[in-house]
Amino acid sequence: MIGERTRLFWLWWRGCWAFVSPMLLLAILIWSLATFNPPTYGLVKYPGWATAFGWCMIIFCIMWIPFIAIVKIVQAKGSNLWKKIAAASKPAPDWGPYLKKHRWGRYDKTNENNPQAVTPE
């Protein structure tokens, strides 16, 4: 779709995912927290408990992402932290489409020697 992917492309891609995107999201989070004003509806201000309830709903939804990541890293096999993170970042061996008719090409686990040789049914 975009042609041949050069070394420069992969360097840009990894740089964006490893540095640019996280730093941009962190900057947006810090800016949002620094400029936060209690919500209002016209001239009516919401009570403090309502704002706290809203923050609790947000935190309850988002807290599972780092929590599950830490659990997966602790459970992963590896001799040091970096190897555990690398092992936890890889997909499961049985990852792929659920329906058997969609399991062809690299998702076909029945042909271990040449999985790309399998064609769709």
PDB file of N, CA and C in Angstrom:
ATOM      1  N   MET A   1       0.822  -1.183   0.000  1.00  0.00           N
ATOM      2  CA  MET A   1       0.000   0.000   0.000  1.00  0.00           C
ATOM      3  C   MET A   1       0.876   1.261   0.000  1.00  0.00           C
ATOM      4  N   ILE A   2       1.950   1.252   0.804  1.00  0.00           N
ATOM      5  CA  ILE A   2       2.798   2.439   0.848  1.00  0.00           C
ATOM      6  C   ILE A   2       4.140   2.203   0.180  1.00  0.00           C
ATOM      7  N   GLY A   3       4.280   1.073  -0.503  1.00  0.00           N
ATOM      8  CA  GLY A   3       5.533   0.786  -1.179  1.00  0.00           C
ATOM      9  C   GLY A   3       6.494   0.048  -0.268  1.00  0.00           C
ATOM     10  N   GLU A   4       7.744   0.040  -0.667  1.00  0.00           N
ATOM     11  CA  GLU A   4       8.764  -0.658   0.104  1.00  0.00           C
ATOM     12  C   GLU A   4       9.043   0.085   1.406  1.00  0.00           C
ATOM     13  N   ARG A   5       9.142  -0.656   2.461  1.00  0.00           N
ATOM     14  CA  ARG A   5       9.403  -0.049   3.771  1.00  0.00           C
ATOM     15  C   ARG A   5      10.907  -0.045   4.018  1.00  0.00           C
ATOM     16  N   THR A   6      11.460   1.116   4.035  1.00  0.00           N
ATOM     17  CA  THR A   6      12.902   1.251   4.199  1.00  0.00           C
ATOM     18  C   THR A   6      13.282   1.290   5.677  1.00  0.00           C
ATOM     19  N   ARG A   7      14.580   1.317   5.917  1.00  0.00           N
ATOM     20  CA  ARG A   7      15.089   1.418   7.292  1.00  0.00           C
ATOM     21  C   ARG A   7      14.620   2.723   7.937  1.00  0.00           C
ATOM     22  N   LEU A   8      14.574   3.788   7.158  1.00  0.00           N
ATOM     23  CA  LEU A   8      14.132   5.078   7.667  1.00  0.00           C
ATOM     24  C   LEU A   8      12.663   5.010   8.111  1.00  0.00           C
ATOM     25  N   PHE A   9      11.849   4.288   7.340  1.00  0.00           N
ATOM     26  CA  PHE A   9      10.445   4.108   7.715  1.00  0.00           C
ATOM     27  C   PHE A   9      10.335   3.433   9.073  1.00  0.00           C
ATOM     28  N   TRP A  10      11.062   2.335   9.271  1.00  0.00           N
ATOM     29  CA  TRP A  10      10.981   1.607  10.536  1.00  0.00           C
ATOM     30  C   TRP A  10      11.555   2.416  11.682  1.00  0.00           C
ATOM     31  N   LEU A  11      12.579   3.207  11.415  1.00  0.00           N
ATOM     32  CA  LEU A  11      13.129   4.079  12.447  1.00  0.00           C
ATOM     33  C   LEU A  11      12.085   5.110  12.860  1.00  0.00           C
ATOM     34  N   TRP A  12      11.403   5.710  11.903  1.00  0.00           N
ATOM     35  CA  TRP A  12      10.336   6.670  12.184  1.00  0.00           C
ATOM     36  C   TRP A  12       9.190   5.997  12.941  1.00  0.00           C
ATOM     37  N   TRP A  13       8.783   4.815  12.481  1.00  0.00           N
ATOM     38  CA  TRP A  13       7.683   4.088  13.092  1.00  0.00           C
ATOM     39  C   TRP A  13       7.980   3.769  14.558  1.00  0.00           C
ATOM     40  N   ARG A  14       9.161   3.224  14.824  1.00  0.00           N
ATOM     41  CA  ARG A  14       9.532   2.878  16.208  1.00  0.00           C
ATOM     42  C   ARG A  14       9.687   4.125  17.055  1.00  0.00           C
ATOM     43  N   GLY A  15      10.228   5.178  16.468  1.00  0.00           N
ATOM     44  CA  GLY A  15      10.379   6.427  17.206  1.00  0.00           C
ATOM     45  C   GLY A  15       9.040   7.012  17.615  1.00  0.00           C
ATOM     46  N   CYS A  16       8.083   6.942  16.712  1.00  0.00           N
ATOM     47  CA  CYS A  16       6.745   7.455  17.034  1.00  0.00           C
ATOM     48  C   CYS A  16       6.097   6.642  18.141  1.00  0.00           C
ATOM     49  N   TRP A  17       6.161   5.317  18.044  1.00  0.00           N
ATOM     50  CA  TRP A  17       5.513   4.478  19.051  1.00  0.00           C
ATOM     51  C   TRP A  17       6.265   4.465  20.373  1.00  0.00           C
ATOM     52  N   ALA A  18       7.579   4.582  20.341  1.00  0.00           N
ATOM     53  CA  ALA A  18       8.366   4.486  21.567  1.00  0.00           C
ATOM     54  C   ALA A  18       8.540   5.825  22.273  1.00  0.00           C
ATOM     55  N   PHE A  19       8.517   6.938  21.525  1.00  0.00           N
ATOM     56  CA  PHE A  19       8.813   8.214  22.151  1.00  0.00           C
ATOM     57  C   PHE A  19       7.759   9.284  21.882  1.00  0.00           C
ATOM     58  N   VAL A  20       7.462   9.549  20.626  1.00  0.00           N
ATOM     59  CA  VAL A  20       6.594  10.676  20.268  1.00  0.00           C
ATOM     60  C   VAL A  20       5.184  10.498  20.841  1.00  0.00           C
ATOM     61  N   SER A  21       4.559   9.367  20.582  1.00  0.00           N
ATOM     62  CA  SER A  21       3.187   9.147  21.063  1.00  0.00           C
ATOM     63  C   SER A  21       3.079   9.163  22.586  1.00  0.00           C
ATOM     64  N   PRO A  22       3.935   8.424  23.315  1.00  0.00           N
ATOM     65  CA  PRO A  22       3.823   8.490  24.780  1.00  0.00           C
ATOM     66  C   PRO A  22       4.075   9.893  25.339  1.00  0.00           C
ATOM     67  N   MET A  23       5.040  10.610  24.785  1.00  0.00           N
ATOM     68  CA  MET A  23       5.327  11.957  25.289  1.00  0.00           C
ATOM     69  C   MET A  23       4.170  12.918  24.981  1.00  0.00           C
ATOM     70  N   LEU A  24       3.573  12.773  23.818  1.00  0.00           N
ATOM     71  CA  LEU A  24       2.431  13.616  23.461  1.00  0.00           C
ATOM     72  C   LEU A  24       1.241  13.331  24.378  1.00  0.00           C
ATOM     73  N   LEU A  25       0.968  12.063  24.637  1.00  0.00           N
ATOM     74  CA  LEU A  25      -0.122  11.708  25.545  1.00  0.00           C
ATOM     75  C   LEU A  25       0.159  12.181  26.974  1.00  0.00           C
ATOM     76  N   LEU A  26       1.408  12.075  27.410  1.00  0.00           N
ATOM     77  CA  LEU A  26       1.758  12.564  28.741  1.00  0.00           C
ATOM     78  C   LEU A  26       1.601  14.079  28.827  1.00  0.00           C
ATOM     79  N   ALA A  27       2.006  14.790  27.778  1.00  0.00           N
ATOM     80  CA  ALA A  27       1.851  16.249  27.764  1.00  0.00           C
ATOM     81  C   ALA A  27       0.371  16.636  27.794  1.00  0.00           C
ATOM     82  N   ILE A  28      -0.463  15.931  27.038  1.00  0.00           N
ATOM     83  CA  ILE A  28      -1.901  16.212  27.039  1.00  0.00           C
ATOM     84  C   ILE A  28      -2.492  15.941  28.423  1.00  0.00           C
ATOM     85  N   LEU A  29      -2.085  14.849  29.059  1.00  0.00           N
ATOM     86  CA  LEU A  29      -2.572  14.533  30.403  1.00  0.00           C
ATOM     87  C   LEU A  29      -2.167  15.606  31.408  1.00  0.00           C
ATOM     88  N   ILE A  30      -0.905  16.002  31.386  1.00  0.00           N
ATOM     89  CA  ILE A  30      -0.432  17.025  32.323  1.00  0.00           C
ATOM     90  C   ILE A  30      -1.147  18.346  32.076  1.00  0.00           C
ATOM     91  N   TRP A  31      -1.296  18.727  30.812  1.00  0.00           N
ATOM     92  CA  TRP A  31      -1.991  19.976  30.485  1.00  0.00           C
ATOM     93  C   TRP A  31      -3.448  19.928  30.943  1.00  0.00           C
ATOM     94  N   SER A  32      -4.099  18.800  30.730  1.00  0.00           N
ATOM     95  CA  SER A  32      -5.499  18.661  31.148  1.00  0.00           C
ATOM     96  C   SER A  32      -5.639  18.766  32.666  1.00  0.00           C
ATOM     97  N   LEU A  33      -4.725  18.148  33.393  1.00  0.00           N
ATOM     98  CA  LEU A  33      -4.785  18.216  34.857  1.00  0.00           C
ATOM     99  C   LEU A  33      -4.439  19.610  35.366  1.00  0.00           C
ATOM    100  N   ALA A  34      -3.494  20.267  34.696  1.00  0.00           N
ATOM    101  CA  ALA A  34      -3.070  21.603  35.151  1.00  0.00           C
ATOM    102  C   ALA A  34      -4.148  22.656  34.884  1.00  0.00           C
ATOM    103  N   THR A  35      -4.911  22.494  33.826  1.00  0.00           N
ATOM    104  CA  THR A  35      -5.920  23.488  33.465  1.00  0.00           C
ATOM    105  C   THR A  35      -7.343  23.030  33.803  1.00  0.00           C
ATOM    106  N   PHE A  36      -7.457  22.047  34.687  1.00  0.00           N
ATOM    107  CA  PHE A  36      -8.776  21.494  35.021  1.00  0.00           C
ATOM    108  C   PHE A  36      -9.613  22.515  35.782  1.00  0.00           C
ATOM    109  N   ASN A  37     -10.846  22.662  35.348  1.00  0.00           N
ATOM    110  CA  ASN A  37     -11.836  23.481  36.048  1.00  0.00           C
ATOM    111  C   ASN A  37     -13.029  22.595  36.377  1.00  0.00           C
ATOM    112  N   PRO A  38     -13.611  22.751  37.551  1.00  0.00           N
ATOM    113  CA  PRO A  38     -14.787  21.936  37.876  1.00  0.00           C
ATOM    114  C   PRO A  38     -15.889  22.131  36.829  1.00  0.00           C
ATOM    115  N   PRO A  39     -16.572  21.062  36.466  1.00  0.00           N
ATOM    116  CA  PRO A  39     -17.592  21.163  35.423  1.00  0.00           C
ATOM    117  C   PRO A  39     -18.794  21.997  35.868  1.00  0.00           C
ATOM    118  N   THR A  40     -19.391  22.665  34.901  1.00  0.00           N
ATOM    119  CA  THR A  40     -20.594  23.464  35.164  1.00  0.00           C
ATOM    120  C   THR A  40     -21.625  23.179  34.080  1.00  0.00           C
ATOM    121  N   TYR A  41     -22.860  23.500  34.383  1.00  0.00           N
ATOM    122  CA  TYR A  41     -23.948  23.423  33.405  1.00  0.00           C
ATOM    123  C   TYR A  41     -24.590  24.797  33.399  1.00  0.00           C
ATOM    124  N   GLY A  42     -24.133  25.613  32.448  1.00  0.00           N
ATOM    125  CA  GLY A  42     -24.567  27.010  32.457  1.00  0.00           C
ATOM    126  C   GLY A  42     -23.937  27.711  33.641  1.00  0.00           C
ATOM    127  N   LEU A  43     -24.768  28.239  34.539  1.00  0.00           N
ATOM    128  CA  LEU A  43     -24.262  28.904  35.746  1.00  0.00           C
ATOM    129  C   LEU A  43     -24.232  27.965  36.952  1.00  0.00           C
ATOM    130  N   VAL A  44     -24.747  26.754  36.794  1.00  0.00           N
ATOM    131  CA  VAL A  44     -24.824  25.796  37.898  1.00  0.00           C
ATOM    132  C   VAL A  44     -23.512  25.011  37.978  1.00  0.00           C
ATOM    133  N   LYS A  45     -22.875  24.995  39.145  1.00  0.00           N
ATOM    134  CA  LYS A  45     -21.661  24.209  39.365  1.00  0.00           C
ATOM    135  C   LYS A  45     -22.041  22.860  39.969  1.00  0.00           C
ATOM    136  N   TYR A  46     -21.401  21.815  39.456  1.00  0.00           N
ATOM    137  CA  TYR A  46     -21.642  20.492  40.014  1.00  0.00           C
ATOM    138  C   TYR A  46     -20.965  20.384  41.375  1.00  0.00           C
ATOM    139  N   PRO A  47     -21.548  19.588  42.296  1.00  0.00           N
ATOM    140  CA  PRO A  47     -20.928  19.433  43.620  1.00  0.00           C
ATOM    141  C   PRO A  47     -19.616  18.644  43.528  1.00  0.00           C
ATOM    142  N   GLY A  48     -18.808  18.786  44.550  1.00  0.00           N
ATOM    143  CA  GLY A  48     -17.503  18.115  44.576  1.00  0.00           C
ATOM    144  C   GLY A  48     -17.600  16.611  44.500  1.00  0.00           C
ATOM    145  N   TRP A  49     -18.634  16.034  45.139  1.00  0.00           N
ATOM    146  CA  TRP A  49     -18.774  14.581  45.111  1.00  0.00           C
ATOM    147  C   TRP A  49     -19.052  14.086  43.692  1.00  0.00           C
ATOM    148  N   ALA A  50     -19.747  14.891  42.880  1.00  0.00           N
ATOM    149  CA  ALA A  50     -20.041  14.479  41.507  1.00  0.00           C
ATOM    150  C   ALA A  50     -18.757  14.478  40.664  1.00  0.00           C
ATOM    151  N   THR A  51     -17.915  15.488  40.877  1.00  0.00           N
ATOM    152  CA  THR A  51     -16.631  15.526  40.176  1.00  0.00           C
ATOM    153  C   THR A  51     -15.763  14.350  40.608  1.00  0.00           C
ATOM    154  N   ALA A  52     -15.724  14.076  41.906  1.00  0.00           N
ATOM    155  CA  ALA A  52     -14.948  12.945  42.416  1.00  0.00           C
ATOM    156  C   ALA A  52     -15.473  11.625  41.863  1.00  0.00           C
ATOM    157  N   PHE A  53     -16.792  11.502  41.762  1.00  0.00           N
ATOM    158  CA  PHE A  53     -17.391  10.286  41.201  1.00  0.00           C
ATOM    159  C   PHE A  53     -16.982  10.103  39.738  1.00  0.00           C
ATOM    160  N   GLY A  54     -16.964  11.194  38.984  1.00  0.00           N
ATOM    161  CA  GLY A  54     -16.528  11.132  37.593  1.00  0.00           C
ATOM    162  C   GLY A  54     -15.078  10.698  37.463  1.00  0.00           C
ATOM    163  N   TRP A  55     -14.209  11.254  38.308  1.00  0.00           N
ATOM    164  CA  TRP A  55     -12.796  10.858  38.295  1.00  0.00           C
ATOM    165  C   TRP A  55     -12.647   9.393  38.684  1.00  0.00           C
ATOM    166  N   CYS A  56     -13.430   8.938  39.651  1.00  0.00           N
ATOM    167  CA  CYS A  56     -13.368   7.523  40.050  1.00  0.00           C
ATOM    168  C   CYS A  56     -13.795   6.599  38.908  1.00  0.00           C
ATOM    169  N   MET A  57     -14.801   6.991  38.154  1.00  0.00           N
ATOM    170  CA  MET A  57     -15.225   6.180  37.005  1.00  0.00           C
ATOM    171  C   MET A  57     -14.112   6.100  35.966  1.00  0.00           C
ATOM    172  N   ILE A  58     -13.453   7.224  35.716  1.00  0.00           N
ATOM    173  CA  ILE A  58     -12.352   7.240  34.742  1.00  0.00           C
ATOM    174  C   ILE A  58     -11.202   6.373  35.227  1.00  0.00           C
ATOM    175  N   ILE A  59     -10.808   6.554  36.481  1.00  0.00           N
ATOM    176  CA  ILE A  59      -9.682   5.796  37.030  1.00  0.00           C
ATOM    177  C   ILE A  59      -9.991   4.305  37.062  1.00  0.00           C
ATOM    178  N   PHE A  60     -11.223   3.940  37.427  1.00  0.00           N
ATOM    179  CA  PHE A  60     -11.581   2.526  37.479  1.00  0.00           C
ATOM    180  C   PHE A  60     -11.481   1.872  36.102  1.00  0.00           C
ATOM    181  N   CYS A  61     -11.805   2.589  35.055  1.00  0.00           N
ATOM    182  CA  CYS A  61     -11.721   2.036  33.709  1.00  0.00           C
ATOM    183  C   CYS A  61     -10.272   1.943  33.213  1.00  0.00           C
ATOM    184  N   ILE A  62      -9.467   2.930  33.525  1.00  0.00           N
ATOM    185  CA  ILE A  62      -8.111   2.996  32.981  1.00  0.00           C
ATOM    186  C   ILE A  62      -7.101   2.209  33.800  1.00  0.00           C
ATOM    187  N   MET A  63      -7.337   2.014  35.090  1.00  0.00           N
ATOM    188  CA  MET A  63      -6.349   1.383  35.965  1.00  0.00           C
ATOM    189  C   MET A  63      -6.042  -0.057  35.571  1.00  0.00           C
ATOM    190  N   TRP A  64      -6.951  -0.704  34.847  1.00  0.00           N
ATOM    191  CA  TRP A  64      -6.737  -2.100  34.490  1.00  0.00           C
ATOM    192  C   TRP A  64      -5.640  -2.275  33.446  1.00  0.00           C
ATOM    193  N   ILE A  65      -5.379  -1.271  32.651  1.00  0.00           N
ATOM    194  CA  ILE A  65      -4.339  -1.394  31.619  1.00  0.00           C
ATOM    195  C   ILE A  65      -2.968  -1.594  32.249  1.00  0.00           C
ATOM    196  N   PRO A  66      -2.489  -0.692  33.125  1.00  0.00           N
ATOM    197  CA  PRO A  66      -1.183  -0.962  33.745  1.00  0.00           C
ATOM    198  C   PRO A  66      -1.219  -2.142  34.713  1.00  0.00           C
ATOM    199  N   PHE A  67      -2.355  -2.372  35.376  1.00  0.00           N
ATOM    200  CA  PHE A  67      -2.450  -3.482  36.315  1.00  0.00           C
ATOM    201  C   PHE A  67      -2.244  -4.824  35.599  1.00  0.00           C
ATOM    202  N   ILE A  68      -2.965  -5.040  34.509  1.00  0.00           N
ATOM    203  CA  ILE A  68      -2.833  -6.296  33.760  1.00  0.00           C
ATOM    204  C   ILE A  68      -1.453  -6.400  33.129  1.00  0.00           C
ATOM    205  N   ALA A  69      -0.891  -5.281  32.670  1.00  0.00           N
ATOM    206  CA  ALA A  69       0.458  -5.302  32.108  1.00  0.00           C
ATOM    207  C   ALA A  69       1.467  -5.761  33.156  1.00  0.00           C
ATOM    208  N   ILE A  70       1.361  -5.256  34.366  1.00  0.00           N
ATOM    209  CA  ILE A  70       2.285  -5.660  35.435  1.00  0.00           C
ATOM    210  C   ILE A  70       2.100  -7.131  35.773  1.00  0.00           C
ATOM    211  N   VAL A  71       0.856  -7.597  35.850  1.00  0.00           N
ATOM    212  CA  VAL A  71       0.598  -9.008  36.144  1.00  0.00           C
ATOM    213  C   VAL A  71       1.200  -9.897  35.062  1.00  0.00           C
ATOM    214  N   LYS A  72       1.008  -9.540  33.794  1.00  0.00           N
ATOM    215  CA  LYS A  72       1.549 -10.340  32.687  1.00  0.00           C
ATOM    216  C   LYS A  72       3.076 -10.345  32.702  1.00  0.00           C
ATOM    217  N   ILE A  73       3.690  -9.215  33.033  1.00  0.00           N
ATOM    218  CA  ILE A  73       5.161  -9.148  33.090  1.00  0.00           C
ATOM    219  C   ILE A  73       5.683  -9.998  34.237  1.00  0.00           C
ATOM    220  N   VAL A  74       5.034  -9.956  35.386  1.00  0.00           N
ATOM    221  CA  VAL A  74       5.467 -10.764  36.531  1.00  0.00           C
ATOM    222  C   VAL A  74       5.326 -12.254  36.221  1.00  0.00           C
ATOM    223  N   GLN A  75       4.265 -12.649  35.516  1.00  0.00           N
ATOM    224  CA  GLN A  75       4.026 -14.059  35.201  1.00  0.00           C
ATOM    225  C   GLN A  75       4.867 -14.561  34.033  1.00  0.00           C
ATOM    226  N   ALA A  76       5.445 -13.672  33.239  1.00  0.00           N
ATOM    227  CA  ALA A  76       6.195 -14.084  32.050  1.00  0.00           C
ATOM    228  C   ALA A  76       7.497 -14.782  32.438  1.00  0.00           C
ATOM    229  N   LYS A  77       7.959 -15.638  31.526  1.00  0.00           N
ATOM    230  CA  LYS A  77       9.218 -16.341  31.749  1.00  0.00           C
ATOM    231  C   LYS A  77      10.368 -15.474  31.242  1.00  0.00           C
ATOM    232  N   GLY A  78      11.421 -15.430  32.017  1.00  0.00           N
ATOM    233  CA  GLY A  78      12.594 -14.661  31.636  1.00  0.00           C
ATOM    234  C   GLY A  78      13.518 -14.492  32.818  1.00  0.00           C
ATOM    235  N   SER A  79      14.802 -14.296  32.542  1.00  0.00           N
ATOM    236  CA  SER A  79      15.782 -14.204  33.622  1.00  0.00           C
ATOM    237  C   SER A  79      15.904 -12.795  34.194  1.00  0.00           C
ATOM    238  N   ASN A  80      15.523 -11.783  33.412  1.00  0.00           N
ATOM    239  CA  ASN A  80      15.579 -10.417  33.924  1.00  0.00           C
ATOM    240  C   ASN A  80      14.325  -9.662  33.482  1.00  0.00           C
ATOM    241  N   LEU A  81      14.206  -8.439  33.948  1.00  0.00           N
ATOM    242  CA  LEU A  81      12.999  -7.654  33.666  1.00  0.00           C
ATOM    243  C   LEU A  81      12.802  -7.430  32.172  1.00  0.00           C
ATOM    244  N   TRP A  82      13.886  -7.108  31.449  1.00  0.00           N
ATOM    245  CA  TRP A  82      13.772  -6.829  30.016  1.00  0.00           C
ATOM    246  C   TRP A  82      13.270  -8.054  29.251  1.00  0.00           C
ATOM    247  N   LYS A  83      13.756  -9.240  29.596  1.00  0.00           N
ATOM    248  CA  LYS A  83      13.310 -10.465  28.926  1.00  0.00           C
ATOM    249  C   LYS A  83      11.855 -10.779  29.275  1.00  0.00           C
ATOM    250  N   LYS A  84      11.459 -10.469  30.501  1.00  0.00           N
ATOM    251  CA  LYS A  84      10.066 -10.688  30.890  1.00  0.00           C
ATOM    252  C   LYS A  84       9.141  -9.749  30.123  1.00  0.00           C
ATOM    253  N   ILE A  85       9.554  -8.500  29.946  1.00  0.00           N
ATOM    254  CA  ILE A  85       8.750  -7.548  29.171  1.00  0.00           C
ATOM    255  C   ILE A  85       8.653  -8.007  27.722  1.00  0.00           C
ATOM    256  N   ALA A  86       9.769  -8.475  27.149  1.00  0.00           N
ATOM    257  CA  ALA A  86       9.762  -8.959  25.768  1.00  0.00           C
ATOM    258  C   ALA A  86       8.863 -10.181  25.617  1.00  0.00           C
ATOM    259  N   ALA A  87       8.913 -11.093  26.584  1.00  0.00           N
ATOM    260  CA  ALA A  87       8.074 -12.294  26.517  1.00  0.00           C
ATOM    261  C   ALA A  87       6.599 -11.947  26.683  1.00  0.00           C
ATOM    262  N   ALA A  88       6.300 -10.998  27.550  1.00  0.00           N
ATOM    263  CA  ALA A  88       4.905 -10.603  27.765  1.00  0.00           C
ATOM    264  C   ALA A  88       4.342  -9.823  26.580  1.00  0.00           C
ATOM    265  N   SER A  89       5.207  -9.241  25.763  1.00  0.00           N
ATOM    266  CA  SER A  89       4.764  -8.436  24.623  1.00  0.00           C
ATOM    267  C   SER A  89       4.473  -9.266  23.383  1.00  0.00           C
ATOM    268  N   LYS A  90       4.858 -10.533  23.377  1.00  0.00           N
ATOM    269  CA  LYS A  90       4.630 -11.393  22.217  1.00  0.00           C
ATOM    270  C   LYS A  90       3.229 -12.003  22.284  1.00  0.00           C
ATOM    271  N   PRO A  91       2.595 -12.211  21.125  1.00  0.00           N
ATOM    272  CA  PRO A  91       1.260 -12.828  21.137  1.00  0.00           C
ATOM    273  C   PRO A  91       1.336 -14.301  21.516  1.00  0.00           C
ATOM    274  N   ALA A  92       0.236 -14.837  21.995  1.00  0.00           N
ATOM    275  CA  ALA A  92       0.151 -16.253  22.346  1.00  0.00           C
ATOM    276  C   ALA A  92       0.313 -17.096  21.087  1.00  0.00           C
ATOM    277  N   PRO A  93       0.841 -18.320  21.221  1.00  0.00           N
ATOM    278  CA  PRO A  93       1.041 -19.165  20.032  1.00  0.00           C
ATOM    279  C   PRO A  93      -0.247 -19.472  19.276  1.00  0.00           C
ATOM    280  N   ASP A  94      -1.364 -19.534  19.968  1.00  0.00           N
ATOM    281  CA  ASP A  94      -2.633 -19.856  19.312  1.00  0.00           C
ATOM    282  C   ASP A  94      -3.405 -18.610  18.885  1.00  0.00           C
ATOM    283  N   TRP A  95      -2.750 -17.455  18.893  1.00  0.00           N
ATOM    284  CA  TRP A  95      -3.416 -16.219  18.511  1.00  0.00           C
ATOM    285  C   TRP A  95      -3.774 -16.262  17.030  1.00  0.00           C
ATOM    286  N   GLY A  96      -4.938 -15.776  16.685  1.00  0.00           N
ATOM    287  CA  GLY A  96      -5.352 -15.715  15.294  1.00  0.00           C
ATOM    288  C   GLY A  96      -6.861 -15.753  15.189  1.00  0.00           C
ATOM    289  N   PRO A  97      -7.370 -15.893  13.977  1.00  0.00           N
ATOM    290  CA  PRO A  97      -8.818 -15.919  13.778  1.00  0.00           C
ATOM    291  C   PRO A  97      -9.463 -17.100  14.497  1.00  0.00           C
ATOM    292  N   TYR A  98     -10.677 -16.890  14.982  1.00  0.00           N
ATOM    293  CA  TYR A  98     -11.385 -17.926  15.727  1.00  0.00           C
ATOM    294  C   TYR A  98     -11.912 -19.024  14.800  1.00  0.00           C
ATOM    295  N   LEU A  99     -12.526 -18.640  13.697  1.00  0.00           N
ATOM    296  CA  LEU A  99     -13.127 -19.627  12.800  1.00  0.00           C
ATOM    297  C   LEU A  99     -12.050 -20.337  11.982  1.00  0.00           C
ATOM    298  N   LYS A 100     -12.207 -21.658  11.836  1.00  0.00           N
ATOM    299  CA  LYS A 100     -11.222 -22.458  11.119  1.00  0.00           C
ATOM    300  C   LYS A 100     -11.103 -22.036   9.657  1.00  0.00           C
ATOM    301  N   LYS A 101     -12.203 -21.600   9.039  1.00  0.00           N
ATOM    302  CA  LYS A 101     -12.153 -21.209   7.629  1.00  0.00           C
ATOM    303  C   LYS A 101     -11.289 -19.968   7.411  1.00  0.00           C
ATOM    304  N   HIS A 102     -11.057 -19.188   8.465  1.00  0.00           N
ATOM    305  CA  HIS A 102     -10.214 -18.002   8.344  1.00  0.00           C
ATOM    306  C   HIS A 102      -8.764 -18.274   8.710  1.00  0.00           C
ATOM    307  N   ARG A 103      -8.460 -19.494   9.167  1.00  0.00           N
ATOM    308  CA  ARG A 103      -7.094 -19.834   9.561  1.00  0.00           C
ATOM    309  C   ARG A 103      -6.327 -20.387   8.370  1.00  0.00           C
ATOM    310  N   TRP A 104      -5.737 -19.516   7.615  1.00  0.00           N
ATOM    311  CA  TRP A 104      -4.891 -19.909   6.494  1.00  0.00           C
ATOM    312  C   TRP A 104      -3.702 -18.969   6.476  1.00  0.00           C
ATOM    313  N   GLY A 105      -2.725 -19.268   5.645  1.00  0.00           N
ATOM    314  CA  GLY A 105      -1.525 -18.440   5.603  1.00  0.00           C
ATOM    315  C   GLY A 105      -0.755 -18.541   6.903  1.00  0.00           C
ATOM    316  N   ARG A 106      -0.379 -17.448   7.448  1.00  0.00           N
ATOM    317  CA  ARG A 106       0.436 -17.471   8.664  1.00  0.00           C
ATOM    318  C   ARG A 106      -0.361 -17.867   9.904  1.00  0.00           C
ATOM    319  N   TYR A 107      -1.674 -17.919   9.818  1.00  0.00           N
ATOM    320  CA  TYR A 107      -2.500 -18.291  10.965  1.00  0.00           C
ATOM    321  C   TYR A 107      -2.811 -19.779  11.016  1.00  0.00           C
ATOM    322  N   ASP A 108      -2.365 -20.540  10.017  1.00  0.00           N
ATOM    323  CA  ASP A 108      -2.625 -21.971   9.996  1.00  0.00           C
ATOM    324  C   ASP A 108      -1.587 -22.681  10.853  1.00  0.00           C
ATOM    325  N   LYS A 109      -2.012 -23.254  11.946  1.00  0.00           N
ATOM    326  CA  LYS A 109      -1.095 -23.930  12.866  1.00  0.00           C
ATOM    327  C   LYS A 109      -0.906 -25.401  12.508  1.00  0.00           C
ATOM    328  N   THR A 110      -1.608 -25.915  11.491  1.00  0.00           N
ATOM    329  CA  THR A 110      -1.483 -27.319  11.132  1.00  0.00           C
ATOM    330  C   THR A 110      -0.281 -27.572  10.244  1.00  0.00           C
ATOM    331  N   ASN A 111       0.193 -26.568   9.529  1.00  0.00           N
ATOM    332  CA  ASN A 111       1.336 -26.727   8.638  1.00  0.00           C
ATOM    333  C   ASN A 111       2.520 -25.968   9.233  1.00  0.00           C
ATOM    334  N   GLU A 112       3.309 -26.641  10.055  1.00  0.00           N
ATOM    335  CA  GLU A 112       4.410 -25.985  10.764  1.00  0.00           C
ATOM    336  C   GLU A 112       5.592 -25.686   9.841  1.00  0.00           C
ATOM    337  N   ASN A 113       5.794 -26.495   8.773  1.00  0.00           N
ATOM    338  CA  ASN A 113       6.952 -26.304   7.909  1.00  0.00           C
ATOM    339  C   ASN A 113       6.836 -25.078   7.015  1.00  0.00           C
ATOM    340  N   ASN A 114       5.681 -24.882   6.415  1.00  0.00           N
ATOM    341  CA  ASN A 114       5.497 -23.758   5.507  1.00  0.00           C
ATOM    342  C   ASN A 114       4.092 -23.209   5.669  1.00  0.00           C
ATOM    343  N   PRO A 115       3.863 -22.381   6.681  1.00  0.00           N
ATOM    344  CA  PRO A 115       2.497 -21.900   6.917  1.00  0.00           C
ATOM    345  C   PRO A 115       1.991 -20.974   5.822  1.00  0.00           C
ATOM    346  N   GLN A 116       2.853 -20.351   5.046  1.00  0.00           N
ATOM    347  CA  GLN A 116       2.409 -19.456   3.973  1.00  0.00           C
ATOM    348  C   GLN A 116       1.885 -20.222   2.763  1.00  0.00           C
ATOM    349  N   ALA A 117       2.165 -21.520   2.682  1.00  0.00           N
ATOM    350  CA  ALA A 117       1.750 -22.306   1.515  1.00  0.00           C
ATOM    351  C   ALA A 117       0.275 -22.684   1.542  1.00  0.00           C
ATOM    352  N   VAL A 118      -0.370 -22.569   2.675  1.00  0.00           N
ATOM    353  CA  VAL A 118      -1.774 -22.951   2.799  1.00  0.00           C
ATOM    354  C   VAL A 118      -2.639 -21.858   2.193  1.00  0.00           C
ATOM    355  N   THR A 119      -3.626 -22.251   1.403  1.00  0.00           N
ATOM    356  CA  THR A 119      -4.527 -21.297   0.765  1.00  0.00           C
ATOM    357  C   THR A 119      -5.890 -21.378   1.431  1.00  0.00           C
ATOM    358  N   PRO A 120      -6.711 -20.332   1.309  1.00  0.00           N
ATOM    359  CA  PRO A 120      -8.043 -20.366   1.951  1.00  0.00           C
ATOM    360  C   PRO A 120      -8.922 -21.440   1.355  1.00  0.00           C
ATOM    361  N   GLU A 121      -9.872 -21.911   2.164  1.00  0.00           N
ATOM    362  CA  GLU A 121     -10.797 -22.960   1.696  1.00  0.00           C
ATOM    363  C   GLU A 121     -11.825 -22.416   0.740  1.00  0.00           C
TER     364      GLU A 121
END
